[in-house]
Amino acid sequence: MSRRFGPFFFPEGRGLAGGLAGLAGVVYFSVGFLQIASLAGVLPPITGQGDLLTGLLLIIVAAVFLKGIRPLSEGTEEGYAHLVVGYMLATILFGLQVLVIGTNALGWLLQFPGWVEWSLAQDLTPQIWLFAILVVVSIILRLAESPKEVSE
């Protein structure tokens, strides 16, 4: 079965919701930590131009997801709130990065001096691909449930 919260559907039972929260939390935390470590010069830079704020924001999103594991494992509604807020934060970060890509693409298209050498690869930061992975995993979990089990 799944739970619906507004436009969000989350798997219910068999620990899938807790697993989703745990997986998302660990991945977001790992990438945020790697982002900060690469800025400190400890590791080579990962894809896209990152900054300290990006790394910290990814860790905050991870904390929200990870905080929801216990309530989800106990079967309380509070855990789903953590999933919804985690998705919302991830969506906001994704949307802001899409806005940055759009403005940079416009500058490149209009051939502004600072944007002549811009490429899309420069702006494919972790917010973009982490959100895409999160959505794909959520869709796979949603489709893995049989239609008879889905309740609205």
N, C-alpha and C. Protein backbone atom coordinates (compact mmCIF):
# COMPACT_ATOMS: atom_id res chain seq x y z
N MET A 1 0.84 -1.18 0.00
CA MET A 1 0.00 0.00 0.00
C MET A 1 0.88 1.24 0.00
N SER A 2 0.29 2.34 -0.36
CA SER A 2 1.05 3.58 -0.33
C SER A 2 0.21 4.66 0.34
N ARG A 3 0.89 5.67 0.81
CA ARG A 3 0.23 6.81 1.43
C ARG A 3 0.33 7.98 0.49
N ARG A 4 -0.73 8.74 0.41
CA ARG A 4 -0.73 9.92 -0.44
C ARG A 4 -0.79 11.15 0.44
N PHE A 5 0.15 12.07 0.20
CA PHE A 5 0.18 13.35 0.88
C PHE A 5 0.29 14.41 -0.19
N GLY A 6 -0.84 15.01 -0.54
CA GLY A 6 -0.84 15.97 -1.64
C GLY A 6 -0.43 15.23 -2.91
N PRO A 7 0.55 15.77 -3.64
CA PRO A 7 0.99 15.09 -4.86
C PRO A 7 1.97 13.95 -4.60
N PHE A 8 2.33 13.72 -3.34
CA PHE A 8 3.34 12.74 -3.01
C PHE A 8 2.72 11.39 -2.67
N PHE A 9 3.27 10.33 -3.24
CA PHE A 9 2.90 8.97 -2.88
C PHE A 9 4.13 8.32 -2.27
N PHE A 10 3.97 7.71 -1.11
CA PHE A 10 5.09 7.05 -0.46
C PHE A 10 4.72 5.61 -0.19
N PRO A 11 5.67 4.70 -0.36
CA PRO A 11 5.38 3.30 -0.09
C PRO A 11 5.08 3.10 1.39
N GLU A 12 4.22 2.15 1.66
CA GLU A 12 3.85 1.87 3.04
C GLU A 12 4.06 0.39 3.30
N GLY A 13 4.57 0.07 4.44
CA GLY A 13 4.77 -1.32 4.78
C GLY A 13 6.09 -1.85 4.24
N ARG A 14 6.47 -3.00 4.73
CA ARG A 14 7.70 -3.69 4.33
C ARG A 14 8.94 -2.82 4.49
N GLY A 15 8.85 -1.72 5.23
CA GLY A 15 10.01 -0.87 5.47
C GLY A 15 10.46 -0.06 4.27
N LEU A 16 9.64 -0.01 3.22
CA LEU A 16 10.06 0.72 2.02
C LEU A 16 10.18 2.22 2.26
N ALA A 17 9.25 2.79 3.00
CA ALA A 17 9.32 4.23 3.25
C ALA A 17 10.54 4.57 4.10
N GLY A 18 10.79 3.77 5.12
CA GLY A 18 11.99 3.98 5.94
C GLY A 18 13.26 3.76 5.14
N GLY A 19 13.23 2.76 4.27
CA GLY A 19 14.38 2.50 3.40
C GLY A 19 14.62 3.64 2.44
N LEU A 20 13.54 4.20 1.89
CA LEU A 20 13.67 5.34 1.00
C LEU A 20 14.25 6.54 1.74
N ALA A 21 13.76 6.79 2.94
CA ALA A 21 14.28 7.91 3.74
C ALA A 21 15.75 7.68 4.09
N GLY A 22 16.09 6.47 4.48
CA GLY A 22 17.48 6.17 4.82
C GLY A 22 18.41 6.29 3.63
N LEU A 23 17.98 5.74 2.51
CA LEU A 23 18.81 5.80 1.30
C LEU A 23 19.00 7.24 0.85
N ALA A 24 17.91 7.99 0.80
CA ALA A 24 18.01 9.40 0.39
C ALA A 24 18.88 10.18 1.36
N GLY A 25 18.71 9.94 2.65
CA GLY A 25 19.50 10.65 3.64
C GLY A 25 20.98 10.36 3.53
N VAL A 26 21.32 9.09 3.37
CA VAL A 26 22.73 8.71 3.26
C VAL A 26 23.35 9.28 1.99
N VAL A 27 22.63 9.21 0.88
CA VAL A 27 23.17 9.72 -0.38
C VAL A 27 23.33 11.24 -0.33
N TYR A 28 22.32 11.95 0.15
CA TYR A 28 22.42 13.40 0.23
C TYR A 28 23.54 13.81 1.19
N PHE A 29 23.67 13.11 2.33
CA PHE A 29 24.74 13.44 3.27
C PHE A 29 26.11 13.18 2.65
N SER A 30 26.25 12.03 1.99
CA SER A 30 27.54 11.68 1.39
C SER A 30 27.96 12.70 0.35
N VAL A 31 27.04 13.08 -0.51
CA VAL A 31 27.38 14.05 -1.56
C VAL A 31 27.65 15.42 -0.95
N GLY A 32 26.88 15.81 0.05
CA GLY A 32 27.14 17.09 0.73
C GLY A 32 28.51 17.10 1.39
N PHE A 33 28.85 16.00 2.05
CA PHE A 33 30.15 15.89 2.69
C PHE A 33 31.27 15.91 1.65
N LEU A 34 31.08 15.18 0.55
CA LEU A 34 32.08 15.18 -0.53
C LEU A 34 32.24 16.57 -1.14
N GLN A 35 31.13 17.28 -1.25
CA GLN A 35 31.17 18.65 -1.79
C GLN A 35 32.04 19.54 -0.89
N ILE A 36 31.83 19.45 0.40
CA ILE A 36 32.60 20.26 1.34
C ILE A 36 34.06 19.82 1.35
N ALA A 37 34.29 18.51 1.33
CA ALA A 37 35.66 18.00 1.33
C ALA A 37 36.41 18.40 0.06
N SER A 38 35.71 18.44 -1.06
CA SER A 38 36.38 18.85 -2.31
C SER A 38 36.71 20.34 -2.29
N LEU A 39 35.87 21.13 -1.65
CA LEU A 39 36.15 22.56 -1.54
C LEU A 39 37.33 22.82 -0.60
N ALA A 40 37.49 21.94 0.39
CA ALA A 40 38.61 22.07 1.32
C ALA A 40 39.91 21.58 0.70
N GLY A 41 39.83 20.98 -0.48
CA GLY A 41 41.02 20.50 -1.15
C GLY A 41 41.43 19.09 -0.77
N VAL A 42 40.61 18.43 0.04
CA VAL A 42 40.92 17.06 0.46
C VAL A 42 40.65 16.07 -0.67
N LEU A 43 39.62 16.33 -1.45
CA LEU A 43 39.23 15.45 -2.56
C LEU A 43 39.15 16.26 -3.85
N PRO A 44 39.26 15.59 -5.00
CA PRO A 44 39.07 16.32 -6.26
C PRO A 44 37.62 16.77 -6.38
N PRO A 45 37.37 17.86 -7.12
CA PRO A 45 36.00 18.36 -7.23
C PRO A 45 35.07 17.39 -7.94
N ILE A 46 33.81 17.38 -7.50
CA ILE A 46 32.81 16.56 -8.17
C ILE A 46 32.13 17.40 -9.23
N THR A 47 31.27 16.79 -10.01
CA THR A 47 30.64 17.45 -11.15
C THR A 47 29.97 18.75 -10.76
N GLY A 48 30.16 19.74 -11.57
CA GLY A 48 29.52 21.03 -11.35
C GLY A 48 30.30 21.91 -10.40
N GLN A 49 29.96 23.16 -10.42
CA GLN A 49 30.60 24.10 -9.52
C GLN A 49 29.86 24.09 -8.20
N GLY A 50 30.51 23.69 -7.18
CA GLY A 50 29.87 23.65 -5.88
C GLY A 50 30.43 24.72 -4.97
N ASP A 51 29.77 24.90 -3.89
CA ASP A 51 30.26 25.83 -2.89
C ASP A 51 29.91 25.28 -1.51
N LEU A 52 30.39 25.95 -0.51
CA LEU A 52 30.17 25.50 0.86
C LEU A 52 28.68 25.47 1.19
N LEU A 53 27.96 26.47 0.75
CA LEU A 53 26.53 26.54 1.03
C LEU A 53 25.78 25.35 0.42
N THR A 54 26.16 24.97 -0.79
CA THR A 54 25.53 23.82 -1.43
C THR A 54 25.75 22.56 -0.61
N GLY A 55 26.97 22.34 -0.17
CA GLY A 55 27.26 21.17 0.65
C GLY A 55 26.46 21.17 1.94
N LEU A 56 26.37 22.32 2.58
CA LEU A 56 25.61 22.41 3.83
C LEU A 56 24.12 22.18 3.59
N LEU A 57 23.59 22.72 2.50
CA LEU A 57 22.17 22.51 2.20
C LEU A 57 21.87 21.04 1.91
N LEU A 58 22.78 20.37 1.23
CA LEU A 58 22.58 18.94 0.98
C LEU A 58 22.59 18.15 2.29
N ILE A 59 23.44 18.56 3.22
CA ILE A 59 23.49 17.88 4.52
C ILE A 59 22.21 18.16 5.31
N ILE A 60 21.65 19.35 5.17
CA ILE A 60 20.38 19.66 5.85
C ILE A 60 19.25 18.79 5.29
N VAL A 61 19.20 18.65 3.97
CA VAL A 61 18.19 17.78 3.35
C VAL A 61 18.38 16.34 3.86
N ALA A 62 19.62 15.91 3.94
CA ALA A 62 19.91 14.56 4.45
C ALA A 62 19.42 14.40 5.88
N ALA A 63 19.63 15.42 6.69
CA ALA A 63 19.20 15.34 8.09
C ALA A 63 17.69 15.19 8.20
N VAL A 64 16.96 15.88 7.34
CA VAL A 64 15.50 15.77 7.35
C VAL A 64 15.08 14.35 6.99
N PHE A 65 15.67 13.80 5.94
CA PHE A 65 15.34 12.43 5.55
C PHE A 65 15.71 11.44 6.66
N LEU A 66 16.91 11.58 7.20
CA LEU A 66 17.38 10.64 8.22
C LEU A 66 16.56 10.73 9.51
N LYS A 67 16.08 11.91 9.83
CA LYS A 67 15.26 12.09 11.03
C LYS A 67 13.94 11.33 10.92
N GLY A 68 13.50 11.06 9.71
CA GLY A 68 12.24 10.36 9.52
C GLY A 68 12.32 8.85 9.59
N ILE A 69 13.52 8.29 9.70
CA ILE A 69 13.65 6.83 9.69
C ILE A 69 12.97 6.19 10.90
N ARG A 70 13.24 6.70 12.08
CA ARG A 70 12.67 6.10 13.29
C ARG A 70 11.14 6.16 13.29
N PRO A 71 10.53 7.34 13.06
CA PRO A 71 9.06 7.36 13.04
C PRO A 71 8.47 6.45 11.96
N LEU A 72 9.15 6.34 10.83
CA LEU A 72 8.64 5.46 9.77
C LEU A 72 8.73 4.00 10.19
N SER A 73 9.80 3.65 10.88
CA SER A 73 9.94 2.26 11.33
C SER A 73 8.93 1.94 12.42
N GLU A 74 8.50 2.96 13.16
CA GLU A 74 7.49 2.76 14.20
C GLU A 74 6.07 2.84 13.63
N GLY A 75 5.97 3.26 12.37
CA GLY A 75 4.66 3.33 11.72
C GLY A 75 3.84 4.55 12.05
N THR A 76 4.47 5.61 12.54
CA THR A 76 3.72 6.83 12.86
C THR A 76 3.66 7.76 11.67
N GLU A 77 2.67 8.62 11.68
CA GLU A 77 2.47 9.58 10.59
C GLU A 77 3.60 10.61 10.51
N GLU A 78 4.25 10.87 11.63
CA GLU A 78 5.30 11.88 11.67
C GLU A 78 6.42 11.57 10.67
N GLY A 79 6.69 10.31 10.46
CA GLY A 79 7.75 9.93 9.53
C GLY A 79 7.47 10.37 8.11
N TYR A 80 6.21 10.30 7.72
CA TYR A 80 5.85 10.73 6.37
C TYR A 80 6.02 12.24 6.21
N ALA A 81 5.84 12.97 7.29
CA ALA A 81 6.07 14.42 7.23
C ALA A 81 7.53 14.71 6.91
N HIS A 82 8.43 13.92 7.47
CA HIS A 82 9.85 14.10 7.16
C HIS A 82 10.14 13.81 5.69
N LEU A 83 9.49 12.79 5.16
CA LEU A 83 9.67 12.50 3.74
C LEU A 83 9.16 13.65 2.87
N VAL A 84 7.99 14.17 3.21
CA VAL A 84 7.42 15.27 2.42
C VAL A 84 8.32 16.50 2.49
N VAL A 85 8.78 16.85 3.68
CA VAL A 85 9.65 18.03 3.81
C VAL A 85 10.97 17.79 3.10
N GLY A 86 11.52 16.59 3.18
CA GLY A 86 12.75 16.28 2.46
C GLY A 86 12.58 16.43 0.96
N TYR A 87 11.47 15.91 0.45
CA TYR A 87 11.18 16.06 -0.98
C TYR A 87 11.01 17.54 -1.35
N MET A 88 10.33 18.28 -0.49
CA MET A 88 10.11 19.70 -0.79
C MET A 88 11.43 20.46 -0.82
N LEU A 89 12.31 20.20 0.14
CA LEU A 89 13.61 20.86 0.15
C LEU A 89 14.43 20.47 -1.07
N ALA A 90 14.42 19.19 -1.41
CA ALA A 90 15.14 18.73 -2.60
C ALA A 90 14.58 19.38 -3.86
N THR A 91 13.26 19.54 -3.91
CA THR A 91 12.62 20.17 -5.07
C THR A 91 12.99 21.65 -5.16
N ILE A 92 13.04 22.32 -4.03
CA ILE A 92 13.41 23.74 -4.02
C ILE A 92 14.85 23.91 -4.50
N LEU A 93 15.76 23.08 -4.00
CA LEU A 93 17.15 23.17 -4.44
C LEU A 93 17.27 22.87 -5.94
N PHE A 94 16.52 21.88 -6.40
CA PHE A 94 16.51 21.55 -7.83
C PHE A 94 15.98 22.73 -8.64
N GLY A 95 14.87 23.30 -8.20
CA GLY A 95 14.28 24.43 -8.91
C GLY A 95 15.20 25.63 -8.99
N LEU A 96 15.88 25.91 -7.89
CA LEU A 96 16.83 27.03 -7.90
C LEU A 96 17.97 26.78 -8.87
N GLN A 97 18.45 25.54 -8.93
CA GLN A 97 19.53 25.24 -9.86
C GLN A 97 19.06 25.30 -11.30
N VAL A 98 17.83 24.88 -11.56
CA VAL A 98 17.27 25.01 -12.91
C VAL A 98 17.17 26.48 -13.29
N LEU A 99 16.80 27.32 -12.34
CA LEU A 99 16.74 28.76 -12.59
C LEU A 99 18.12 29.31 -12.92
N VAL A 100 19.13 28.87 -12.19
CA VAL A 100 20.51 29.29 -12.48
C VAL A 100 20.92 28.85 -13.88
N ILE A 101 20.59 27.61 -14.23
CA ILE A 101 20.92 27.11 -15.57
C ILE A 101 20.22 27.96 -16.63
N GLY A 102 18.96 28.28 -16.39
CA GLY A 102 18.22 29.10 -17.35
C GLY A 102 18.82 30.48 -17.54
N THR A 103 19.20 31.12 -16.45
CA THR A 103 19.79 32.46 -16.58
C THR A 103 21.17 32.39 -17.23
N ASN A 104 21.95 31.38 -16.90
CA ASN A 104 23.25 31.24 -17.55
C ASN A 104 23.11 30.92 -19.03
N ALA A 105 22.12 30.10 -19.38
CA ALA A 105 21.89 29.79 -20.78
C ALA A 105 21.45 31.04 -21.55
N LEU A 106 20.65 31.86 -20.92
CA LEU A 106 20.22 33.11 -21.56
C LEU A 106 21.42 34.03 -21.78
N GLY A 107 22.29 34.13 -20.78
CA GLY A 107 23.49 34.94 -20.94
C GLY A 107 24.39 34.42 -22.05
N TRP A 108 24.49 33.10 -22.15
CA TRP A 108 25.29 32.49 -23.21
C TRP A 108 24.65 32.73 -24.58
N LEU A 109 23.32 32.58 -24.64
CA LEU A 109 22.60 32.78 -25.89
C LEU A 109 22.73 34.22 -26.39
N LEU A 110 22.69 35.17 -25.46
CA LEU A 110 22.82 36.58 -25.83
C LEU A 110 24.28 37.01 -25.96
N GLN A 111 25.20 36.07 -25.73
CA GLN A 111 26.64 36.30 -25.87
C GLN A 111 27.16 37.43 -24.98
N PHE A 112 26.70 37.44 -23.74
CA PHE A 112 27.25 38.39 -22.78
C PHE A 112 28.71 38.02 -22.52
N PRO A 113 29.56 39.00 -22.25
CA PRO A 113 30.99 38.72 -22.11
C PRO A 113 31.34 37.64 -21.07
N GLY A 114 30.67 37.60 -19.97
CA GLY A 114 31.00 36.61 -18.94
C GLY A 114 30.47 35.22 -19.22
N TRP A 115 29.61 35.08 -20.22
CA TRP A 115 28.95 33.80 -20.47
C TRP A 115 29.35 33.16 -21.79
N VAL A 116 30.28 33.73 -22.52
CA VAL A 116 30.64 33.21 -23.83
C VAL A 116 31.17 31.78 -23.74
N GLU A 117 31.92 31.48 -22.70
CA GLU A 117 32.51 30.15 -22.56
C GLU A 117 31.70 29.24 -21.64
N TRP A 118 30.49 29.62 -21.29
CA TRP A 118 29.66 28.81 -20.41
C TRP A 118 29.23 27.52 -21.10
N SER A 119 29.13 26.45 -20.34
CA SER A 119 28.58 25.20 -20.86
C SER A 119 27.64 24.62 -19.81
N LEU A 120 26.72 23.82 -20.26
CA LEU A 120 25.74 23.21 -19.36
C LEU A 120 26.40 22.34 -18.30
N ALA A 121 27.49 21.69 -18.66
CA ALA A 121 28.18 20.81 -17.71
C ALA A 121 28.65 21.55 -16.46
N GLN A 122 28.91 22.84 -16.59
CA GLN A 122 29.34 23.63 -15.44
C GLN A 122 28.24 23.75 -14.38
N ASP A 123 27.01 23.69 -14.81
CA ASP A 123 25.89 23.89 -13.89
C ASP A 123 25.16 22.61 -13.50
N LEU A 124 25.65 21.47 -13.92
CA LEU A 124 25.02 20.21 -13.51
C LEU A 124 25.55 19.82 -12.14
N THR A 125 25.08 20.52 -11.15
CA THR A 125 25.52 20.32 -9.78
C THR A 125 24.77 19.15 -9.15
N PRO A 126 25.20 18.72 -7.98
CA PRO A 126 24.54 17.58 -7.33
C PRO A 126 23.03 17.77 -7.11
N GLN A 127 22.57 19.00 -6.96
CA GLN A 127 21.13 19.20 -6.76
C GLN A 127 20.34 18.64 -7.94
N ILE A 128 20.88 18.75 -9.13
CA ILE A 128 20.18 18.28 -10.32
C ILE A 128 20.12 16.76 -10.34
N TRP A 129 21.28 16.11 -10.28
CA TRP A 129 21.26 14.66 -10.44
C TRP A 129 20.78 13.93 -9.20
N LEU A 130 20.94 14.50 -8.01
CA LEU A 130 20.38 13.85 -6.83
C LEU A 130 18.85 13.87 -6.86
N PHE A 131 18.29 14.99 -7.29
CA PHE A 131 16.84 15.07 -7.38
C PHE A 131 16.32 14.09 -8.43
N ALA A 132 17.01 14.00 -9.56
CA ALA A 132 16.59 13.07 -10.61
C ALA A 132 16.62 11.63 -10.10
N ILE A 133 17.66 11.28 -9.37
CA ILE A 133 17.75 9.93 -8.80
C ILE A 133 16.63 9.69 -7.80
N LEU A 134 16.37 10.68 -6.96
CA LEU A 134 15.30 10.56 -5.95
C LEU A 134 13.95 10.33 -6.61
N VAL A 135 13.68 11.07 -7.66
CA VAL A 135 12.40 10.92 -8.36
C VAL A 135 12.30 9.55 -9.04
N VAL A 136 13.37 9.13 -9.69
CA VAL A 136 13.36 7.83 -10.38
C VAL A 136 13.15 6.69 -9.38
N VAL A 137 13.86 6.73 -8.26
CA VAL A 137 13.70 5.67 -7.25
C VAL A 137 12.27 5.68 -6.70
N SER A 138 11.72 6.86 -6.47
CA SER A 138 10.35 6.96 -5.97
C SER A 138 9.35 6.39 -6.97
N ILE A 139 9.56 6.68 -8.24
CA ILE A 139 8.66 6.16 -9.28
C ILE A 139 8.77 4.64 -9.36
N ILE A 140 9.98 4.13 -9.28
CA ILE A 140 10.17 2.68 -9.32
C ILE A 140 9.46 2.01 -8.14
N LEU A 141 9.61 2.59 -6.95
CA LEU A 141 8.92 2.03 -5.78
C LEU A 141 7.41 2.11 -5.95
N ARG A 142 6.95 3.19 -6.52
CA ARG A 142 5.50 3.36 -6.74
C ARG A 142 4.98 2.33 -7.74
N LEU A 143 5.73 2.12 -8.82
CA LEU A 143 5.30 1.17 -9.84
C LEU A 143 5.46 -0.28 -9.39
N ALA A 144 6.33 -0.50 -8.42
CA ALA A 144 6.54 -1.86 -7.92
C ALA A 144 5.34 -2.37 -7.14
N GLU A 145 4.53 -1.46 -6.65
CA GLU A 145 3.33 -1.87 -5.91
C GLU A 145 2.25 -2.26 -6.90
N SER A 146 1.50 -3.27 -6.56
CA SER A 146 0.41 -3.67 -7.45
C SER A 146 -0.73 -2.67 -7.32
N PRO A 147 -1.50 -2.46 -8.38
CA PRO A 147 -2.61 -1.50 -8.33
C PRO A 147 -3.64 -1.82 -7.26
N LYS A 148 -3.79 -3.08 -6.88
CA LYS A 148 -4.76 -3.45 -5.86
C LYS A 148 -4.36 -2.94 -4.49
N GLU A 149 -3.05 -2.75 -4.27
CA GLU A 149 -2.57 -2.33 -2.96
C GLU A 149 -2.62 -0.83 -2.76
N VAL A 150 -2.78 -0.07 -3.82
CA VAL A 150 -2.72 1.38 -3.73
C VAL A 150 -4.03 1.91 -3.16
N SER A 151 -3.93 2.68 -2.10
CA SER A 151 -5.12 3.30 -1.52
C SER A 151 -4.91 4.80 -1.47
N GLU A 152 -5.95 5.54 -1.75
CA GLU A 152 -5.82 6.99 -1.75
C GLU A 152 -6.57 7.59 -0.60
